[in-house]
Amino acid sequence: MKKQFVIAFLLILVYAVSVSTVLAETPLSQSFDTVGGIVTFGRYEQDGSEENGPEEIEWIVLDAKDGRR
């Protein structure tokens, strides 16, 4: 039981570090309140070539209300 707890804790820790790394790489200067604008957030393998690593994901802003993100 203790071994399973340690393994689960380590997996959660690795996940938390990976999420914080993605968030740290996202510039805060992007405009989230311009409808039709493009915002980059996260990374994912998109071009089928794992040699160059995952590419940034581009998101289109569909709606903005009162400057909220």
Protein backbone atom coordinates (compact mmCIF):
# COMPACT_ATOMS: atom_id res chain seq x y z
CA MET A 1 0.00 0.00 0.00
CA LYS A 2 2.79 2.42 0.88
CA LYS A 3 4.60 1.64 -2.39
CA GLN A 4 1.44 2.46 -4.40
CA PHE A 5 1.07 5.75 -2.55
CA VAL A 6 4.67 6.72 -3.32
CA ILE A 7 4.23 5.86 -7.00
CA ALA A 8 0.98 7.84 -7.21
CA PHE A 9 2.60 10.81 -5.48
CA LEU A 10 5.55 10.77 -7.89
CA LEU A 11 3.24 10.61 -10.91
CA ILE A 12 1.25 13.59 -9.62
CA LEU A 13 4.48 15.50 -9.00
CA VAL A 14 5.74 14.83 -12.55
CA TYR A 15 2.38 15.93 -13.98
CA ALA A 16 2.39 19.13 -11.94
CA VAL A 17 5.90 20.02 -13.09
CA SER A 18 5.01 19.41 -16.75
CA VAL A 19 1.88 21.58 -16.51
CA SER A 20 3.77 24.40 -14.82
CA THR A 21 6.41 24.24 -17.55
CA VAL A 22 3.77 24.65 -20.26
CA LEU A 23 2.19 27.57 -18.43
CA ALA A 24 5.58 29.22 -17.89
CA GLU A 25 6.29 29.05 -21.64
CA THR A 26 3.05 30.90 -22.50
CA PRO A 27 3.71 34.63 -22.86
CA LEU A 28 1.29 36.83 -20.95
CA SER A 29 1.51 39.61 -23.51
CA GLN A 30 -0.87 37.84 -25.89
CA SER A 31 -4.21 39.53 -26.47
CA PHE A 32 -7.03 37.28 -25.34
CA ASP A 33 -9.69 39.93 -25.85
CA THR A 34 -9.42 40.43 -29.62
CA VAL A 35 -12.07 38.29 -31.33
CA GLY A 36 -10.49 36.53 -34.28
CA GLY A 37 -7.00 36.90 -32.82
CA ILE A 38 -4.68 33.94 -32.48
CA VAL A 39 -3.25 32.89 -29.13
CA THR A 40 -0.60 30.20 -28.64
CA PHE A 41 -0.97 27.94 -25.65
CA GLY A 42 0.53 24.51 -25.06
CA ARG A 43 2.53 22.22 -27.30
CA TYR A 44 1.55 19.04 -29.20
CA GLU A 45 3.12 16.93 -31.94
CA GLN A 46 1.29 18.09 -35.09
CA ASP A 47 3.50 17.66 -38.14
CA GLY A 48 4.21 13.93 -37.80
CA SER A 49 7.93 14.49 -37.23
CA GLU A 50 8.94 13.66 -33.67
CA GLU A 51 12.53 14.69 -34.45
CA ASN A 52 11.73 18.41 -34.15
CA GLY A 53 9.57 17.99 -31.04
CA PRO A 54 6.04 19.20 -30.37
CA GLU A 55 4.76 22.37 -32.04
CA GLU A 56 2.93 25.25 -30.37
CA ILE A 57 -0.86 25.03 -30.49
CA GLU A 58 -2.58 28.08 -31.98
CA TRP A 59 -6.07 28.92 -30.72
CA ILE A 60 -8.51 31.38 -32.30
CA VAL A 61 -10.30 33.73 -29.89
CA LEU A 62 -14.02 33.18 -30.53
CA ASP A 63 -15.50 35.41 -27.85
CA ALA A 64 -14.40 38.02 -25.31
CA LYS A 65 -16.52 39.53 -22.57
CA ASP A 66 -15.48 42.60 -20.61
CA GLY A 67 -11.79 41.87 -21.10
CA ARG A 68 -12.04 38.52 -19.34
CA ARG A 69 -9.92 35.65 -20.53
